[in-house]
Amino acid sequence: MLKFRPHMIGEIMTDPKGKDEILSVGAKTTIIKMAKEFVYGFDEKITSKYMTKGLDVEDQSIELLNSVLFSNYKKNETTLENDWLVGTPDLICDDGVVRD
């Protein structure tokens, strides 16, 4: 079964422009992309200098957050999933709240 990644929610939960349409153009595009990945095994990797920098400084960002909030968060490596979503959040707080 195909599952959405959390960053896709904004793409699939938009209202269509026409009253006679069920899905928005963005939702259709996202679903077509997922179908290509599923059927053809095609996985489009998107990278940018901003994403690379974010990954490079992720540990430092968690340290900064800990020093400002007087907390002891650790980088999460566990993938979470339910019936509809799958993803790996950066942080999971003690109270179960997921921070990314």
PDB file of N, CA and C in Angstrom:
ATOM      1  N   MET A   1       0.840  -1.183   0.000  1.00  0.00           N
ATOM      2  CA  MET A   1       0.000   0.000   0.000  1.00  0.00           C
ATOM      3  C   MET A   1       0.884   1.245   0.000  1.00  0.00           C
ATOM      4  N   LEU A   2       0.545   2.192  -0.825  1.00  0.00           N
ATOM      5  CA  LEU A   2       1.287   3.441  -0.887  1.00  0.00           C
ATOM      6  C   LEU A   2       0.918   4.318   0.296  1.00  0.00           C
ATOM      7  N   LYS A   3       1.928   4.966   0.861  1.00  0.00           N
ATOM      8  CA  LYS A   3       1.698   5.876   1.973  1.00  0.00           C
ATOM      9  C   LYS A   3       2.316   7.222   1.637  1.00  0.00           C
ATOM     10  N   PHE A   4       1.677   8.272   2.115  1.00  0.00           N
ATOM     11  CA  PHE A   4       2.158   9.617   1.875  1.00  0.00           C
ATOM     12  C   PHE A   4       3.251   9.972   2.864  1.00  0.00           C
ATOM     13  N   ARG A   5       4.182  10.814   2.444  1.00  0.00           N
ATOM     14  CA  ARG A   5       5.178  11.389   3.338  1.00  0.00           C
ATOM     15  C   ARG A   5       4.560  12.671   3.896  1.00  0.00           C
ATOM     16  N   PRO A   6       4.874  13.026   5.135  1.00  0.00           N
ATOM     17  CA  PRO A   6       4.230  14.198   5.748  1.00  0.00           C
ATOM     18  C   PRO A   6       4.353  15.489   4.933  1.00  0.00           C
ATOM     19  N   HIS A   7       5.453  15.688   4.228  1.00  0.00           N
ATOM     20  CA  HIS A   7       5.605  16.924   3.457  1.00  0.00           C
ATOM     21  C   HIS A   7       4.634  16.991   2.278  1.00  0.00           C
ATOM     22  N   MET A   8       3.997  15.882   1.932  1.00  0.00           N
ATOM     23  CA  MET A   8       3.048  15.858   0.821  1.00  0.00           C
ATOM     24  C   MET A   8       1.651  16.353   1.219  1.00  0.00           C
ATOM     25  N   ILE A   9       1.393  16.480   2.500  1.00  0.00           N
ATOM     26  CA  ILE A   9       0.048  16.827   2.960  1.00  0.00           C
ATOM     27  C   ILE A   9      -0.422  18.149   2.346  1.00  0.00           C
ATOM     28  N   GLY A  10       0.455  19.134   2.306  1.00  0.00           N
ATOM     29  CA  GLY A  10       0.083  20.418   1.716  1.00  0.00           C
ATOM     30  C   GLY A  10      -0.228  20.316   0.237  1.00  0.00           C
ATOM     31  N   GLU A  11       0.374  19.348  -0.438  1.00  0.00           N
ATOM     32  CA  GLU A  11       0.146  19.170  -1.864  1.00  0.00           C
ATOM     33  C   GLU A  11      -1.182  18.476  -2.151  1.00  0.00           C
ATOM     34  N   ILE A  12      -1.566  17.550  -1.293  1.00  0.00           N
ATOM     35  CA  ILE A  12      -2.773  16.774  -1.569  1.00  0.00           C
ATOM     36  C   ILE A  12      -4.022  17.342  -0.910  1.00  0.00           C
ATOM     37  N   MET A  13      -3.882  18.231   0.050  1.00  0.00           N
ATOM     38  CA  MET A  13      -5.037  18.747   0.789  1.00  0.00           C
ATOM     39  C   MET A  13      -5.474  20.135   0.327  1.00  0.00           C
ATOM     40  N   THR A  14      -5.176  20.494  -0.910  1.00  0.00           N
ATOM     41  CA  THR A  14      -5.597  21.785  -1.433  1.00  0.00           C
ATOM     42  C   THR A  14      -6.932  21.646  -2.160  1.00  0.00           C
ATOM     43  N   ASP A  15      -7.694  22.696  -2.147  1.00  0.00           N
ATOM     44  CA  ASP A  15      -8.986  22.690  -2.824  1.00  0.00           C
ATOM     45  C   ASP A  15      -8.805  22.844  -4.327  1.00  0.00           C
ATOM     46  N   PRO A  16      -9.599  22.132  -5.103  1.00  0.00           N
ATOM     47  CA  PRO A  16      -9.532  22.317  -6.557  1.00  0.00           C
ATOM     48  C   PRO A  16     -10.094  23.679  -6.946  1.00  0.00           C
ATOM     49  N   LYS A  17      -9.629  24.205  -8.086  1.00  0.00           N
ATOM     50  CA  LYS A  17     -10.094  25.521  -8.541  1.00  0.00           C
ATOM     51  C   LYS A  17     -11.518  25.454  -9.088  1.00  0.00           C
ATOM     52  N   GLY A  18     -11.841  24.394  -9.798  1.00  0.00           N
ATOM     53  CA  GLY A  18     -13.174  24.263 -10.374  1.00  0.00           C
ATOM     54  C   GLY A  18     -14.128  23.526  -9.453  1.00  0.00           C
ATOM     55  N   LYS A  19     -15.387  23.923  -9.460  1.00  0.00           N
ATOM     56  CA  LYS A  19     -16.379  23.275  -8.605  1.00  0.00           C
ATOM     57  C   LYS A  19     -16.695  21.859  -9.059  1.00  0.00           C
ATOM     58  N   ASP A  20     -16.436  21.569 -10.329  1.00  0.00           N
ATOM     59  CA  ASP A  20     -16.724  20.241 -10.856  1.00  0.00           C
ATOM     60  C   ASP A  20     -15.551  19.273 -10.677  1.00  0.00           C
ATOM     61  N   GLU A  21     -14.445  19.742 -10.117  1.00  0.00           N
ATOM     62  CA  GLU A  21     -13.269  18.892  -9.904  1.00  0.00           C
ATOM     63  C   GLU A  21     -13.271  18.336  -8.487  1.00  0.00           C
ATOM     64  N   ILE A  22     -12.760  17.137  -8.351  1.00  0.00           N
ATOM     65  CA  ILE A  22     -12.665  16.513  -7.031  1.00  0.00           C
ATOM     66  C   ILE A  22     -11.296  16.767  -6.419  1.00  0.00           C
ATOM     67  N   LEU A  23     -10.245  16.621  -7.230  1.00  0.00           N
ATOM     68  CA  LEU A  23      -8.880  16.818  -6.762  1.00  0.00           C
ATOM     69  C   LEU A  23      -8.261  18.052  -7.394  1.00  0.00           C
ATOM     70  N   SER A  24      -7.376  18.708  -6.638  1.00  0.00           N
ATOM     71  CA  SER A  24      -6.658  19.858  -7.181  1.00  0.00           C
ATOM     72  C   SER A  24      -5.572  19.376  -8.140  1.00  0.00           C
ATOM     73  N   VAL A  25      -5.045  20.293  -8.921  1.00  0.00           N
ATOM     74  CA  VAL A  25      -3.959  19.965  -9.850  1.00  0.00           C
ATOM     75  C   VAL A  25      -2.749  19.451  -9.067  1.00  0.00           C
ATOM     76  N   GLY A  26      -2.447  20.084  -7.938  1.00  0.00           N
ATOM     77  CA  GLY A  26      -1.313  19.658  -7.112  1.00  0.00           C
ATOM     78  C   GLY A  26      -1.489  18.246  -6.574  1.00  0.00           C
ATOM     79  N   ALA A  27      -2.704  17.908  -6.148  1.00  0.00           N
ATOM     80  CA  ALA A  27      -2.978  16.561  -5.650  1.00  0.00           C
ATOM     81  C   ALA A  27      -2.812  15.531  -6.760  1.00  0.00           C
ATOM     82  N   LYS A  28      -3.323  15.854  -7.946  1.00  0.00           N
ATOM     83  CA  LYS A  28      -3.181  14.936  -9.083  1.00  0.00           C
ATOM     84  C   LYS A  28      -1.719  14.720  -9.436  1.00  0.00           C
ATOM     85  N   THR A  29      -0.943  15.797  -9.454  1.00  0.00           N
ATOM     86  CA  THR A  29       0.492  15.703  -9.769  1.00  0.00           C
ATOM     87  C   THR A  29       1.208  14.823  -8.754  1.00  0.00           C
ATOM     88  N   THR A  30       0.910  15.008  -7.467  1.00  0.00           N
ATOM     89  CA  THR A  30       1.546  14.210  -6.419  1.00  0.00           C
ATOM     90  C   THR A  30       1.177  12.736  -6.549  1.00  0.00           C
ATOM     91  N   ILE A  31      -0.075  12.442  -6.817  1.00  0.00           N
ATOM     92  CA  ILE A  31      -0.516  11.051  -6.953  1.00  0.00           C
ATOM     93  C   ILE A  31       0.103  10.405  -8.185  1.00  0.00           C
ATOM     94  N   ILE A  32       0.220  11.141  -9.285  1.00  0.00           N
ATOM     95  CA  ILE A  32       0.863  10.603 -10.492  1.00  0.00           C
ATOM     96  C   ILE A  32       2.335  10.304 -10.212  1.00  0.00           C
ATOM     97  N   LYS A  33       3.002  11.205  -9.495  1.00  0.00           N
ATOM     98  CA  LYS A  33       4.407  10.980  -9.147  1.00  0.00           C
ATOM     99  C   LYS A  33       4.564   9.722  -8.286  1.00  0.00           C
ATOM    100  N   MET A  34       3.654   9.543  -7.325  1.00  0.00           N
ATOM    101  CA  MET A  34       3.700   8.345  -6.476  1.00  0.00           C
ATOM    102  C   MET A  34       3.443   7.085  -7.295  1.00  0.00           C
ATOM    103  N   ALA A  35       2.525   7.158  -8.255  1.00  0.00           N
ATOM    104  CA  ALA A  35       2.222   6.001  -9.105  1.00  0.00           C
ATOM    105  C   ALA A  35       3.432   5.622  -9.943  1.00  0.00           C
ATOM    106  N   LYS A  36       4.146   6.606 -10.485  1.00  0.00           N
ATOM    107  CA  LYS A  36       5.365   6.327 -11.254  1.00  0.00           C
ATOM    108  C   LYS A  36       6.402   5.631 -10.393  1.00  0.00           C
ATOM    109  N   GLU A  37       6.549   6.117  -9.161  1.00  0.00           N
ATOM    110  CA  GLU A  37       7.503   5.492  -8.249  1.00  0.00           C
ATOM    111  C   GLU A  37       7.115   4.040  -7.987  1.00  0.00           C
ATOM    112  N   PHE A  38       5.822   3.803  -7.781  1.00  0.00           N
ATOM    113  CA  PHE A  38       5.342   2.459  -7.466  1.00  0.00           C
ATOM    114  C   PHE A  38       5.442   1.520  -8.664  1.00  0.00           C
ATOM    115  N   VAL A  39       4.980   1.951  -9.828  1.00  0.00           N
ATOM    116  CA  VAL A  39       4.917   1.090 -11.012  1.00  0.00           C
ATOM    117  C   VAL A  39       6.289   0.885 -11.644  1.00  0.00           C
ATOM    118  N   TYR A  40       7.037   1.974 -11.800  1.00  0.00           N
ATOM    119  CA  TYR A  40       8.295   1.902 -12.538  1.00  0.00           C
ATOM    120  C   TYR A  40       9.535   1.883 -11.653  1.00  0.00           C
ATOM    121  N   GLY A  41       9.342   2.036 -10.346  1.00  0.00           N
ATOM    122  CA  GLY A  41      10.483   2.073  -9.448  1.00  0.00           C
ATOM    123  C   GLY A  41      11.285   3.359  -9.590  1.00  0.00           C
ATOM    124  N   PHE A  42      10.674   4.376 -10.184  1.00  0.00           N
ATOM    125  CA  PHE A  42      11.334   5.659 -10.410  1.00  0.00           C
ATOM    126  C   PHE A  42      11.210   6.504  -9.156  1.00  0.00           C
ATOM    127  N   ASP A  43      12.348   6.920  -8.600  1.00  0.00           N
ATOM    128  CA  ASP A  43      12.349   7.738  -7.397  1.00  0.00           C
ATOM    129  C   ASP A  43      13.137   9.013  -7.680  1.00  0.00           C
ATOM    130  N   GLU A  44      12.428  10.105  -7.852  1.00  0.00           N
ATOM    131  CA  GLU A  44      13.067  11.376  -8.171  1.00  0.00           C
ATOM    132  C   GLU A  44      13.667  11.974  -6.903  1.00  0.00           C
ATOM    133  N   LYS A  45      14.968  12.116  -6.889  1.00  0.00           N
ATOM    134  CA  LYS A  45      15.660  12.713  -5.747  1.00  0.00           C
ATOM    135  C   LYS A  45      15.828  14.201  -5.999  1.00  0.00           C
ATOM    136  N   ILE A  46      15.314  14.988  -5.089  1.00  0.00           N
ATOM    137  CA  ILE A  46      15.434  16.429  -5.204  1.00  0.00           C
ATOM    138  C   ILE A  46      16.445  16.902  -4.176  1.00  0.00           C
ATOM    139  N   THR A  47      17.414  17.668  -4.633  1.00  0.00           N
ATOM    140  CA  THR A  47      18.405  18.238  -3.720  1.00  0.00           C
ATOM    141  C   THR A  47      18.602  19.707  -4.077  1.00  0.00           C
ATOM    142  N   SER A  48      19.048  20.445  -3.093  1.00  0.00           N
ATOM    143  CA  SER A  48      19.400  21.843  -3.307  1.00  0.00           C
ATOM    144  C   SER A  48      20.487  22.189  -2.298  1.00  0.00           C
ATOM    145  N   LYS A  49      21.149  23.301  -2.523  1.00  0.00           N
ATOM    146  CA  LYS A  49      22.199  23.696  -1.586  1.00  0.00           C
ATOM    147  C   LYS A  49      21.601  23.984  -0.205  1.00  0.00           C
ATOM    148  N   TYR A  50      20.342  24.400  -0.157  1.00  0.00           N
ATOM    149  CA  TYR A  50      19.684  24.685   1.117  1.00  0.00           C
ATOM    150  C   TYR A  50      19.378  23.395   1.885  1.00  0.00           C
ATOM    151  N   MET A  51      18.951  22.372   1.161  1.00  0.00           N
ATOM    152  CA  MET A  51      18.675  21.079   1.805  1.00  0.00           C
ATOM    153  C   MET A  51      19.975  20.455   2.301  1.00  0.00           C
ATOM    154  N   THR A  52      21.017  20.543   1.496  1.00  0.00           N
ATOM    155  CA  THR A  52      22.315  19.991   1.890  1.00  0.00           C
ATOM    156  C   THR A  52      22.832  20.696   3.134  1.00  0.00           C
ATOM    157  N   LYS A  53      22.738  22.024   3.162  1.00  0.00           N
ATOM    158  CA  LYS A  53      23.200  22.761   4.335  1.00  0.00           C
ATOM    159  C   LYS A  53      22.375  22.387   5.559  1.00  0.00           C
ATOM    160  N   GLY A  54      21.051  22.245   5.402  1.00  0.00           N
ATOM    161  CA  GLY A  54      20.198  21.855   6.519  1.00  0.00           C
ATOM    162  C   GLY A  54      20.609  20.523   7.107  1.00  0.00           C
ATOM    163  N   LEU A  55      20.937  19.576   6.251  1.00  0.00           N
ATOM    164  CA  LEU A  55      21.395  18.266   6.729  1.00  0.00           C
ATOM    165  C   LEU A  55      22.759  18.375   7.391  1.00  0.00           C
ATOM    166  N   ASP A  56      23.626  19.235   6.856  1.00  0.00           N
ATOM    167  CA  ASP A  56      24.973  19.395   7.409  1.00  0.00           C
ATOM    168  C   ASP A  56      24.953  19.989   8.817  1.00  0.00           C
ATOM    169  N   VAL A  57      24.009  20.882   9.092  1.00  0.00           N
ATOM    170  CA  VAL A  57      23.985  21.566  10.391  1.00  0.00           C
ATOM    171  C   VAL A  57      22.896  21.034  11.319  1.00  0.00           C
ATOM    172  N   GLU A  58      22.293  19.918  10.968  1.00  0.00           N
ATOM    173  CA  GLU A  58      21.185  19.386  11.762  1.00  0.00           C
ATOM    174  C   GLU A  58      21.584  19.105  13.208  1.00  0.00           C
ATOM    175  N   ASP A  59      22.727  18.467  13.422  1.00  0.00           N
ATOM    176  CA  ASP A  59      23.170  18.175  14.787  1.00  0.00           C
ATOM    177  C   ASP A  59      23.435  19.455  15.569  1.00  0.00           C
ATOM    178  N   GLN A  60      24.030  20.441  14.919  1.00  0.00           N
ATOM    179  CA  GLN A  60      24.288  21.726  15.585  1.00  0.00           C
ATOM    180  C   GLN A  60      22.981  22.425  15.927  1.00  0.00           C
ATOM    181  N   SER A  61      21.989  22.293  15.073  1.00  0.00           N
ATOM    182  CA  SER A  61      20.684  22.907  15.329  1.00  0.00           C
ATOM    183  C   SER A  61      20.014  22.282  16.537  1.00  0.00           C
ATOM    184  N   ILE A  62      20.123  20.978  16.668  1.00  0.00           N
ATOM    185  CA  ILE A  62      19.543  20.293  17.834  1.00  0.00           C
ATOM    186  C   ILE A  62      20.268  20.735  19.098  1.00  0.00           C
ATOM    187  N   GLU A  63      21.598  20.877  19.034  1.00  0.00           N
ATOM    188  CA  GLU A  63      22.360  21.364  20.188  1.00  0.00           C
ATOM    189  C   GLU A  63      21.928  22.774  20.576  1.00  0.00           C
ATOM    190  N   LEU A  64      21.716  23.635  19.573  1.00  0.00           N
ATOM    191  CA  LEU A  64      21.270  25.003  19.842  1.00  0.00           C
ATOM    192  C   LEU A  64      19.882  24.994  20.489  1.00  0.00           C
ATOM    193  N   LEU A  65      18.975  24.191  19.959  1.00  0.00           N
ATOM    194  CA  LEU A  65      17.638  24.086  20.537  1.00  0.00           C
ATOM    195  C   LEU A  65      17.714  23.626  21.988  1.00  0.00           C
ATOM    196  N   ASN A  66      18.555  22.645  22.264  1.00  0.00           N
ATOM    197  CA  ASN A  66      18.728  22.152  23.629  1.00  0.00           C
ATOM    198  C   ASN A  66      19.253  23.248  24.556  1.00  0.00           C
ATOM    199  N   SER A  67      20.204  24.055  24.078  1.00  0.00           N
ATOM    200  CA  SER A  67      20.772  25.102  24.933  1.00  0.00           C
ATOM    201  C   SER A  67      19.762  26.219  25.189  1.00  0.00           C
ATOM    202  N   VAL A  68      18.907  26.514  24.220  1.00  0.00           N
ATOM    203  CA  VAL A  68      17.920  27.579  24.387  1.00  0.00           C
ATOM    204  C   VAL A  68      16.747  27.116  25.253  1.00  0.00           C
ATOM    205  N   LEU A  69      16.281  25.893  25.046  1.00  0.00           N
ATOM    206  CA  LEU A  69      15.121  25.380  25.784  1.00  0.00           C
ATOM    207  C   LEU A  69      15.497  24.596  27.037  1.00  0.00           C
ATOM    208  N   PHE A  70      16.803  24.485  27.323  1.00  0.00           N
ATOM    209  CA  PHE A  70      17.286  23.692  28.452  1.00  0.00           C
ATOM    210  C   PHE A  70      16.712  22.280  28.397  1.00  0.00           C
ATOM    211  N   SER A  71      16.819  21.673  27.227  1.00  0.00           N
ATOM    212  CA  SER A  71      16.278  20.334  26.998  1.00  0.00           C
ATOM    213  C   SER A  71      17.418  19.383  26.630  1.00  0.00           C
ATOM    214  N   ASN A  72      17.063  18.151  26.376  1.00  0.00           N
ATOM    215  CA  ASN A  72      18.058  17.139  26.039  1.00  0.00           C
ATOM    216  C   ASN A  72      17.560  16.285  24.872  1.00  0.00           C
ATOM    217  N   TYR A  73      17.116  16.954  23.803  1.00  0.00           N
ATOM    218  CA  TYR A  73      16.627  16.224  22.640  1.00  0.00           C
ATOM    219  C   TYR A  73      17.775  15.516  21.930  1.00  0.00           C
ATOM    220  N   LYS A  74      17.455  14.367  21.386  1.00  0.00           N
ATOM    221  CA  LYS A  74      18.397  13.582  20.580  1.00  0.00           C
ATOM    222  C   LYS A  74      17.797  13.378  19.201  1.00  0.00           C
ATOM    223  N   LYS A  75      18.648  13.273  18.200  1.00  0.00           N
ATOM    224  CA  LYS A  75      18.201  13.045  16.829  1.00  0.00           C
ATOM    225  C   LYS A  75      17.475  11.715  16.755  1.00  0.00           C
ATOM    226  N   ASN A  76      16.284  11.730  16.181  1.00  0.00           N
ATOM    227  CA  ASN A  76      15.506  10.515  15.996  1.00  0.00           C
ATOM    228  C   ASN A  76      15.952   9.804  14.723  1.00  0.00           C
ATOM    229  N   GLU A  77      16.119   8.503  14.780  1.00  0.00           N
ATOM    230  CA  GLU A  77      16.477   7.699  13.608  1.00  0.00           C
ATOM    231  C   GLU A  77      15.382   6.692  13.262  1.00  0.00           C
ATOM    232  N   THR A  78      14.299   6.689  14.049  1.00  0.00           N
ATOM    233  CA  THR A  78      13.232   5.714  13.883  1.00  0.00           C
ATOM    234  C   THR A  78      12.169   6.227  12.919  1.00  0.00           C
ATOM    235  N   THR A  79      11.801   5.416  11.957  1.00  0.00           N
ATOM    236  CA  THR A  79      10.734   5.769  11.021  1.00  0.00           C
ATOM    237  C   THR A  79       9.394   5.401  11.641  1.00  0.00           C
ATOM    238  N   LEU A  80       8.458   6.346  11.588  1.00  0.00           N
ATOM    239  CA  LEU A  80       7.116   6.128  12.121  1.00  0.00           C
ATOM    240  C   LEU A  80       6.141   6.002  10.962  1.00  0.00           C
ATOM    241  N   GLU A  81       5.092   5.209  11.168  1.00  0.00           N
ATOM    242  CA  GLU A  81       4.074   5.102  10.130  1.00  0.00           C
ATOM    243  C   GLU A  81       2.738   4.705  10.731  1.00  0.00           C
ATOM    244  N   ASN A  82       1.680   5.083  10.019  1.00  0.00           N
ATOM    245  CA  ASN A  82       0.339   4.636  10.347  1.00  0.00           C
ATOM    246  C   ASN A  82      -0.315   4.176   9.052  1.00  0.00           C
ATOM    247  N   ASP A  83      -1.630   4.143   9.006  1.00  0.00           N
ATOM    248  CA  ASP A  83      -2.307   3.648   7.809  1.00  0.00           C
ATOM    249  C   ASP A  83      -2.087   4.532   6.586  1.00  0.00           C
ATOM    250  N   TRP A  84      -1.772   5.818   6.784  1.00  0.00           N
ATOM    251  CA  TRP A  84      -1.702   6.761   5.673  1.00  0.00           C
ATOM    252  C   TRP A  84      -0.347   7.421   5.476  1.00  0.00           C
ATOM    253  N   LEU A  85       0.437   7.583   6.544  1.00  0.00           N
ATOM    254  CA  LEU A  85       1.683   8.342   6.487  1.00  0.00           C
ATOM    255  C   LEU A  85       2.882   7.499   6.891  1.00  0.00           C
ATOM    256  N   VAL A  86       4.043   7.858   6.351  1.00  0.00           N
ATOM    257  CA  VAL A  86       5.307   7.254   6.764  1.00  0.00           C
ATOM    258  C   VAL A  86       6.375   8.338   6.714  1.00  0.00           C
ATOM    259  N   GLY A  87       7.215   8.397   7.749  1.00  0.00           N
ATOM    260  CA  GLY A  87       8.275   9.398   7.770  1.00  0.00           C
ATOM    261  C   GLY A  87       9.168   9.248   8.983  1.00  0.00           C
ATOM    262  N   THR A  88      10.282   9.972   8.955  1.00  0.00           N
ATOM    263  CA  THR A  88      11.243   9.957  10.049  1.00  0.00           C
ATOM    264  C   THR A  88      11.402  11.381  10.570  1.00  0.00           C
ATOM    265  N   PRO A  89      10.714  11.728  11.665  1.00  0.00           N
ATOM    266  CA  PRO A  89      10.837  13.081  12.208  1.00  0.00           C
ATOM    267  C   PRO A  89      12.213  13.289  12.825  1.00  0.00           C
ATOM    268  N   ASP A  90      12.662  14.544  12.850  1.00  0.00           N
ATOM    269  CA  ASP A  90      13.971  14.848  13.418  1.00  0.00           C
ATOM    270  C   ASP A  90      13.996  14.600  14.918  1.00  0.00           C
ATOM    271  N   LEU A  91      12.947  15.021  15.618  1.00  0.00           N
ATOM    272  CA  LEU A  91      12.896  14.917  17.080  1.00  0.00           C
ATOM    273  C   LEU A  91      11.552  14.370  17.531  1.00  0.00           C
ATOM    274  N   ILE A  92      11.570  13.567  18.589  1.00  0.00           N
ATOM    275  CA  ILE A  92      10.348  13.138  19.257  1.00  0.00           C
ATOM    276  C   ILE A  92      10.502  13.537  20.721  1.00  0.00           C
ATOM    277  N   CYS A  93       9.615  14.391  21.194  1.00  0.00           N
ATOM    278  CA  CYS A  93       9.703  14.904  22.562  1.00  0.00           C
ATOM    279  C   CYS A  93       9.224  13.857  23.565  1.00  0.00           C
ATOM    280  N   ASP A  94       9.529  14.097  24.834  1.00  0.00           N
ATOM    281  CA  ASP A  94       9.125  13.176  25.892  1.00  0.00           C
ATOM    282  C   ASP A  94       7.619  13.011  25.972  1.00  0.00           C
ATOM    283  N   ASP A  95       6.873  14.068  25.631  1.00  0.00           N
ATOM    284  CA  ASP A  95       5.422  13.996  25.702  1.00  0.00           C
ATOM    285  C   ASP A  95       4.803  13.397  24.442  1.00  0.00           C
ATOM    286  N   GLY A  96       5.658  12.884  23.545  1.00  0.00           N
ATOM    287  CA  GLY A  96       5.179  12.220  22.334  1.00  0.00           C
ATOM    288  C   GLY A  96       4.972  13.150  21.157  1.00  0.00           C
ATOM    289  N   VAL A  97       5.166  14.446  21.356  1.00  0.00           N
ATOM    290  CA  VAL A  97       5.010  15.414  20.272  1.00  0.00           C
ATOM    291  C   VAL A  97       6.205  15.277  19.329  1.00  0.00           C
ATOM    292  N   VAL A  98       5.924  15.265  18.039  1.00  0.00           N
ATOM    293  CA  VAL A  98       6.972  15.146  17.040  1.00  0.00           C
ATOM    294  C   VAL A  98       7.372  16.538  16.578  1.00  0.00           C
ATOM    295  N   ARG A  99       8.659  16.826  16.589  1.00  0.00           N
ATOM    296  CA  ARG A  99       9.176  18.102  16.080  1.00  0.00           C
ATOM    297  C   ARG A  99      10.061  17.808  14.894  1.00  0.00           C
ATOM    298  N   ASP A 100       9.921  18.635  13.874  1.00  0.00           N
ATOM    299  CA  ASP A 100      10.758  18.439  12.695  1.00  0.00           C
ATOM    300  C   ASP A 100      11.340  19.765  12.263  1.00  0.00           C
TER     301      ASP A 100
END
